PDB file of N, CA and C in Angstrom:
ATOM      1  N   MET A   1      -8.554  10.574   4.177  1.00  0.00           N
ATOM      2  CA  MET A   1      -8.522  10.567   5.808  1.00  0.00           C
ATOM      3  C   MET A   1      -8.228  12.049   6.395  1.00  0.00           C
ATOM      4  N   PRO A   2      -8.870  11.985   7.414  1.00  0.00           N
ATOM      5  CA  PRO A   2      -8.622  13.093   8.169  1.00  0.00           C
ATOM      6  C   PRO A   2      -7.042  13.144   8.807  1.00  0.00           C
ATOM      7  N   GLY A   3      -6.596  14.135   8.825  1.00  0.00           N
ATOM      8  CA  GLY A   3      -5.003  14.314   9.472  1.00  0.00           C
ATOM      9  C   GLY A   3      -4.092  14.091   7.965  1.00  0.00           C
ATOM     10  N   GLY A   4      -4.373  13.928   6.962  1.00  0.00           N
ATOM     11  CA  GLY A   4      -3.633  13.796   5.646  1.00  0.00           C
ATOM     12  C   GLY A   4      -3.287  12.515   5.546  1.00  0.00           C
ATOM     13  N   ILE A   5      -3.512  11.260   6.098  1.00  0.00           N
ATOM     14  CA  ILE A   5      -3.208  10.199   5.581  1.00  0.00           C
ATOM     15  C   ILE A   5      -3.909   9.443   4.760  1.00  0.00           C
ATOM     16  N   ALA A   6      -3.250   8.375   4.087  1.00  0.00           N
ATOM     17  CA  ALA A   6      -4.055   7.683   3.002  1.00  0.00           C
ATOM     18  C   ALA A   6      -4.025   6.078   3.579  1.00  0.00           C
ATOM     19  N   GLN A   7      -5.421   5.650   3.405  1.00  0.00           N
ATOM     20  CA  GLN A   7      -5.767   4.276   4.092  1.00  0.00           C
ATOM     21  C   GLN A   7      -5.819   3.312   2.752  1.00  0.00           C
ATOM     22  N   LEU A   8      -4.933   2.460   2.673  1.00  0.00           N
ATOM     23  CA  LEU A   8      -5.159   1.468   1.568  1.00  0.00           C
ATOM     24  C   LEU A   8      -5.461  -0.111   1.979  1.00  0.00           C
ATOM     25  N   ASP A   9      -6.523  -0.657   1.306  1.00  0.00           N
ATOM     26  CA  ASP A   9      -6.669  -2.064   1.577  1.00  0.00           C
ATOM     27  C   ASP A   9      -5.798  -3.132   0.723  1.00  0.00           C
ATOM     28  N   ILE A  10      -4.558  -3.632   1.199  1.00  0.00           N
ATOM     29  CA  ILE A  10      -3.755  -4.285   0.561  1.00  0.00           C
ATOM     30  C   ILE A  10      -4.019  -5.739   0.928  1.00  0.00           C
ATOM     31  N   ARG A  11      -3.573  -6.660   0.016  1.00  0.00           N
ATOM     32  CA  ARG A  11      -3.317  -8.197   0.471  1.00  0.00           C
ATOM     33  C   ARG A  11      -1.923  -8.602  -0.084  1.00  0.00           C
ATOM     34  N   PRO A  12      -1.098  -8.690   1.417  1.00  0.00           N
ATOM     35  CA  PRO A  12       0.267  -9.113   0.700  1.00  0.00           C
ATOM     36  C   PRO A  12       0.154 -10.723   0.269  1.00  0.00           C
ATOM     37  N   ASP A  13       1.196 -10.783  -0.634  1.00  0.00           N
ATOM     38  CA  ASP A  13       1.273 -12.454  -1.037  1.00  0.00           C
ATOM     39  C   ASP A  13       1.049 -13.522   0.057  1.00  0.00           C
ATOM     40  N   GLY A  14       0.283 -14.381   0.198  1.00  0.00           N
ATOM     41  CA  GLY A  14       0.239 -15.313   1.230  1.00  0.00           C
ATOM     42  C   GLY A  14      -0.522 -14.712   2.359  1.00  0.00           C
ATOM     43  N   GLN A  15      -1.084 -13.524   2.466  1.00  0.00           N
ATOM     44  CA  GLN A  15      -1.907 -13.072   3.652  1.00  0.00           C
ATOM     45  C   GLN A  15      -3.354 -12.506   3.334  1.00  0.00           C
ATOM     46  N   ASP A  16      -4.186 -12.480   4.301  1.00  0.00           N
ATOM     47  CA  ASP A  16      -5.428 -11.730   3.894  1.00  0.00           C
ATOM     48  C   ASP A  16      -5.613 -10.126   3.839  1.00  0.00           C
ATOM     49  N   TRP A  17      -6.387  -9.739   3.131  1.00  0.00           N
ATOM     50  CA  TRP A  17      -6.747  -8.160   3.039  1.00  0.00           C
ATOM     51  C   TRP A  17      -6.606  -7.585   4.549  1.00  0.00           C
ATOM     52  N   HIS A  18      -5.921  -6.575   4.390  1.00  0.00           N
ATOM     53  CA  HIS A  18      -5.593  -5.603   5.477  1.00  0.00           C
ATOM     54  C   HIS A  18      -5.675  -4.335   5.114  1.00  0.00           C
ATOM     55  N   TRP A  19      -6.159  -3.415   6.341  1.00  0.00           N
ATOM     56  CA  TRP A  19      -6.009  -1.921   5.928  1.00  0.00           C
ATOM     57  C   TRP A  19      -4.751  -1.458   6.564  1.00  0.00           C
ATOM     58  N   TYR A  20      -3.983  -0.740   5.700  1.00  0.00           N
ATOM     59  CA  TYR A  20      -2.701   0.253   6.114  1.00  0.00           C
ATOM     60  C   TYR A  20      -2.943   1.362   5.703  1.00  0.00           C
ATOM     61  N   VAL A  21      -2.170   2.180   6.397  1.00  0.00           N
ATOM     62  CA  VAL A  21      -2.310   3.547   6.254  1.00  0.00           C
ATOM     63  C   VAL A  21      -0.554   4.194   5.788  1.00  0.00           C
ATOM     64  N   SER A  22      -0.738   5.540   5.630  1.00  0.00           N
ATOM     65  CA  SER A  22       0.595   6.010   5.175  1.00  0.00           C
ATOM     66  C   SER A  22       0.881   7.102   6.046  1.00  0.00           C
ATOM     67  N   THR A  23       1.932   7.547   6.331  1.00  0.00           N
ATOM     68  CA  THR A  23       2.231   8.793   6.860  1.00  0.00           C
ATOM     69  C   THR A  23       1.535   9.966   6.129  1.00  0.00           C
ATOM     70  N   PRO A  24       1.309  11.254   6.984  1.00  0.00           N
ATOM     71  CA  PRO A  24       0.695  11.954   6.052  1.00  0.00           C
ATOM     72  C   PRO A  24       1.809  12.582   5.061  1.00  0.00           C
ATOM     73  N   ASP A  25       2.956  12.822   5.257  1.00  0.00           N
ATOM     74  CA  ASP A  25       3.856  13.296   4.303  1.00  0.00           C
ATOM     75  C   ASP A  25       4.115  12.459   3.171  1.00  0.00           C
ATOM     76  N   ARG A  26       3.603  10.830   2.961  1.00  0.00           N
ATOM     77  CA  ARG A  26       3.813  10.259   2.038  1.00  0.00           C
ATOM     78  C   ARG A  26       2.411   9.753   1.241  1.00  0.00           C
ATOM     79  N   ALA A  27       1.481  10.594   1.819  1.00  0.00           N
ATOM     80  CA  ALA A  27       0.035  10.011   1.157  1.00  0.00           C
ATOM     81  C   ALA A  27      -0.104  10.120  -0.073  1.00  0.00           C
ATOM     82  N   ARG A  28       0.243  11.175  -0.625  1.00  0.00           N
ATOM     83  CA  ARG A  28       0.418  11.253  -2.262  1.00  0.00           C
ATOM     84  C   ARG A  28       0.797  10.048  -2.954  1.00  0.00           C
ATOM     85  N   GLU A  29       1.986   9.615  -2.412  1.00  0.00           N
ATOM     86  CA  GLU A  29       2.696   8.685  -2.952  1.00  0.00           C
ATOM     87  C   GLU A  29       2.284   7.529  -2.929  1.00  0.00           C
ATOM     88  N   ALA A  30       1.310   7.214  -1.655  1.00  0.00           N
ATOM     89  CA  ALA A  30       0.706   5.949  -1.588  1.00  0.00           C
ATOM     90  C   ALA A  30      -0.418   5.805  -2.570  1.00  0.00           C
ATOM     91  N   LEU A  31      -1.112   6.829  -2.435  1.00  0.00           N
ATOM     92  CA  LEU A  31      -2.283   6.813  -3.239  1.00  0.00           C
ATOM     93  C   LEU A  31      -1.839   6.770  -4.946  1.00  0.00           C
ATOM     94  N   ALA A  32      -0.988   7.362  -5.252  1.00  0.00           N
ATOM     95  CA  ALA A  32      -0.462   7.404  -6.596  1.00  0.00           C
ATOM     96  C   ALA A  32       0.005   6.134  -6.778  1.00  0.00           C
ATOM     97  N   CYS A  33       0.690   5.367  -6.252  1.00  0.00           N
ATOM     98  CA  CYS A  33       1.102   3.824  -6.357  1.00  0.00           C
ATOM     99  C   CYS A  33      -0.353   2.871  -6.385  1.00  0.00           C
ATOM    100  N   GLY A  34      -1.120   3.331  -5.338  1.00  0.00           N
ATOM    101  CA  GLY A  34      -2.312   2.553  -5.309  1.00  0.00           C
ATOM    102  C   GLY A  34      -3.265   2.287  -6.785  1.00  0.00           C
ATOM    103  N   LEU A  35      -3.118   3.505  -7.413  1.00  0.00           N
ATOM    104  CA  LEU A  35      -4.268   3.948  -8.492  1.00  0.00           C
ATOM    105  C   LEU A  35      -3.352   3.522  -9.459  1.00  0.00           C
ATOM    106  N   THR A  36      -2.029   3.876  -9.834  1.00  0.00           N
ATOM    107  CA  THR A  36      -1.283   2.770 -10.841  1.00  0.00           C
ATOM    108  C   THR A  36      -1.056   1.492 -10.799  1.00  0.00           C
ATOM    109  N   ALA A  37      -1.354   0.969  -9.607  1.00  0.00           N
ATOM    110  CA  ALA A  37      -1.444  -0.398  -9.647  1.00  0.00           C
ATOM    111  C   ALA A  37      -2.538  -1.056 -10.112  1.00  0.00           C
ATOM    112  N   ILE A  38      -3.760  -0.206  -9.669  1.00  0.00           N
ATOM    113  CA  ILE A  38      -5.203  -0.792 -10.137  1.00  0.00           C
ATOM    114  C   ILE A  38      -5.198  -0.491 -11.533  1.00  0.00           C
ATOM    115  N   SER A  39      -4.985   0.432 -12.039  1.00  0.00           N
ATOM    116  CA  SER A  39      -5.276   1.086 -13.408  1.00  0.00           C
ATOM    117  C   SER A  39      -4.641   0.068 -14.418  1.00  0.00           C
ATOM    118  N   GLY A  40      -3.096  -0.218 -13.922  1.00  0.00           N
ATOM    119  CA  GLY A  40      -2.529  -0.937 -14.782  1.00  0.00           C
ATOM    120  C   GLY A  40      -2.312  -2.529 -14.835  1.00  0.00           C
ATOM    121  N   GLY A  41      -2.977  -2.709 -13.669  1.00  0.00           N
ATOM    122  CA  GLY A  41      -2.772  -4.169 -13.299  1.00  0.00           C
ATOM    123  C   GLY A  41      -1.579  -4.871 -12.897  1.00  0.00           C
ATOM    124  N   TRP A  42      -0.711  -4.242 -11.981  1.00  0.00           N
ATOM    125  CA  TRP A  42       0.594  -4.134 -11.458  1.00  0.00           C
ATOM    126  C   TRP A  42       0.251  -4.388  -9.859  1.00  0.00           C
ATOM    127  N   LYS A  43       1.264  -5.188  -9.419  1.00  0.00           N
ATOM    128  CA  LYS A  43       1.115  -5.301  -8.263  1.00  0.00           C
ATOM    129  C   LYS A  43       1.844  -4.153  -7.547  1.00  0.00           C
ATOM    130  N   VAL A  44       1.816  -3.808  -6.027  1.00  0.00           N
ATOM    131  CA  VAL A  44       2.473  -2.916  -5.429  1.00  0.00           C
ATOM    132  C   VAL A  44       3.486  -3.693  -4.577  1.00  0.00           C
ATOM    133  N   TYR A  45       4.673  -2.906  -4.182  1.00  0.00           N
ATOM    134  CA  TYR A  45       5.727  -3.729  -3.243  1.00  0.00           C
ATOM    135  C   TYR A  45       5.721  -2.700  -2.119  1.00  0.00           C
ATOM    136  N   ILE A  46       5.466  -3.288  -0.982  1.00  0.00           N
ATOM    137  CA  ILE A  46       5.505  -2.480   0.417  1.00  0.00           C
ATOM    138  C   ILE A  46       6.515  -3.402   1.445  1.00  0.00           C
ATOM    139  N   ARG A  47       6.816  -2.300   2.499  1.00  0.00           N
ATOM    140  CA  ARG A  47       7.567  -2.856   3.586  1.00  0.00           C
ATOM    141  C   ARG A  47       6.652  -2.643   4.838  1.00  0.00           C
ATOM    142  N   LEU A  48       6.338  -3.768   5.564  1.00  0.00           N
ATOM    143  CA  LEU A  48       5.484  -3.726   6.534  1.00  0.00           C
ATOM    144  C   LEU A  48       6.406  -3.520   7.730  1.00  0.00           C
ATOM    145  N   PRO A  49       5.749  -2.864   8.794  1.00  0.00           N
ATOM    146  CA  PRO A  49       6.515  -2.250   9.850  1.00  0.00           C
ATOM    147  C   PRO A  49       6.909  -3.658  10.701  1.00  0.00           C
ATOM    148  N   ASP A  50       8.095  -3.573  11.378  1.00  0.00           N
ATOM    149  CA  ASP A  50       8.555  -4.258  12.220  1.00  0.00           C
ATOM    150  C   ASP A  50       7.602  -4.856  13.307  1.00  0.00           C
ATOM    151  N   ASP A  51       6.757  -3.576  13.866  1.00  0.00           N
ATOM    152  CA  ASP A  51       5.769  -3.804  14.954  1.00  0.00           C
ATOM    153  C   ASP A  51       4.463  -4.516  14.340  1.00  0.00           C
ATOM    154  N   PRO A  52       4.042  -5.674  14.849  1.00  0.00           N
ATOM    155  CA  PRO A  52       2.997  -6.355  14.342  1.00  0.00           C
ATOM    156  C   PRO A  52       1.900  -5.513  14.654  1.00  0.00           C
ATOM    157  N   SER A  53       1.985  -4.626  15.743  1.00  0.00           N
ATOM    158  CA  SER A  53       0.445  -3.980  15.914  1.00  0.00           C
ATOM    159  C   SER A  53       0.224  -2.636  15.247  1.00  0.00           C
ATOM    160  N   SER A  54       1.605  -2.324  14.571  1.00  0.00           N
ATOM    161  CA  SER A  54       1.123  -1.245  13.506  1.00  0.00           C
ATOM    162  C   SER A  54       0.913  -1.345  12.187  1.00  0.00           C
ATOM    163  N   ASP A  55      -0.192  -0.508  11.646  1.00  0.00           N
ATOM    164  CA  ASP A  55      -0.460  -0.665  10.077  1.00  0.00           C
ATOM    165  C   ASP A  55       0.090   0.764   9.412  1.00  0.00           C
ATOM    166  N   VAL A  56       1.208   1.158   9.930  1.00  0.00           N
ATOM    167  CA  VAL A  56       1.681   2.192   8.937  1.00  0.00           C
ATOM    168  C   VAL A  56       2.901   1.788   8.025  1.00  0.00           C
ATOM    169  N   LEU A  57       2.602   2.103   6.614  1.00  0.00           N
ATOM    170  CA  LEU A  57       3.492   1.616   5.733  1.00  0.00           C
ATOM    171  C   LEU A  57       4.895   2.278   5.806  1.00  0.00           C
ATOM    172  N   GLU A  58       5.698   1.563   5.612  1.00  0.00           N
ATOM    173  CA  GLU A  58       7.166   2.138   5.797  1.00  0.00           C
ATOM    174  C   GLU A  58       7.529   2.417   4.444  1.00  0.00           C
ATOM    175  N   VAL A  59       7.150   1.830   3.434  1.00  0.00           N
ATOM    176  CA  VAL A  59       7.654   1.530   1.896  1.00  0.00           C
ATOM    177  C   VAL A  59       6.754   1.118   0.945  1.00  0.00           C
ATOM    178  N   ILE A  60       6.363   1.936   0.138  1.00  0.00           N
ATOM    179  CA  ILE A  60       5.456   1.564  -1.022  1.00  0.00           C
ATOM    180  C   ILE A  60       5.699   2.092  -2.358  1.00  0.00           C
ATOM    181  N   GLY A  61       5.720   1.536  -3.208  1.00  0.00           N
ATOM    182  CA  GLY A  61       5.987   1.344  -4.608  1.00  0.00           C
ATOM    183  C   GLY A  61       5.256   0.548  -5.612  1.00  0.00           C
ATOM    184  N   VAL A  62       5.697   0.559  -6.854  1.00  0.00           N
ATOM    185  CA  VAL A  62       4.799  -0.044  -8.024  1.00  0.00           C
ATOM    186  C   VAL A  62       6.033  -1.343  -8.498  1.00  0.00           C
ATOM    187  N   SER A  63       5.356  -2.478  -8.808  1.00  0.00           N
ATOM    188  CA  SER A  63       6.338  -3.377  -9.247  1.00  0.00           C
ATOM    189  C   SER A  63       6.152  -3.605 -10.563  1.00  0.00           C
ATOM    190  N   LYS A  64       6.916  -4.088 -11.401  1.00  0.00           N
ATOM    191  CA  LYS A  64       6.507  -4.642 -12.703  1.00  0.00           C
ATOM    192  C   LYS A  64       5.966  -5.934 -13.048  1.00  0.00           C
ATOM    193  N   THR A  65       5.788  -6.403 -11.779  1.00  0.00           N
ATOM    194  CA  THR A  65       4.956  -7.937 -11.837  1.00  0.00           C
ATOM    195  C   THR A  65       3.329  -7.568 -11.982  1.00  0.00           C
ATOM    196  N   ARG A  66       2.872  -8.275 -12.998  1.00  0.00           N
ATOM    197  CA  ARG A  66       1.388  -8.162 -13.459  1.00  0.00           C
ATOM    198  C   ARG A  66       0.884  -9.093 -12.038  1.00  0.00           C
ATOM    199  N   ASP A  67      -0.287  -8.330 -11.762  1.00  0.00           N
ATOM    200  CA  ASP A  67      -1.221  -8.966 -10.807  1.00  0.00           C
ATOM    201  C   ASP A  67      -2.345  -9.874 -11.309  1.00  0.00           C
ATOM    202  N   VAL A  68      -2.187 -11.188 -11.440  1.00  0.00           N
ATOM    203  CA  VAL A  68      -3.192 -12.147 -11.875  1.00  0.00           C
ATOM    204  C   VAL A  68      -4.040 -12.787 -10.750  1.00  0.00           C
ATOM    205  N   LEU A  69      -5.176 -12.326 -10.599  1.00  0.00           N
ATOM    206  CA  LEU A  69      -6.109 -13.006  -9.662  1.00  0.00           C
ATOM    207  C   LEU A  69      -7.132 -13.680 -10.080  1.00  0.00           C
TER     208      LEU A  69
END
């Protein structure tokens, strides 16, 4: 995305799909976690912002939990 951010479409457990963005300094990490989760069938773990109007991911990583949809 312009400005060096990564935009990911994520569906937290029990919620609907939503677009979240990373900060520019963490865009590569966010993309790597997203691609790893997609290619390996894993879930990502995220920490959502405390502010409900913010879409900026604070933490993103890959979980060892299999994603079964």
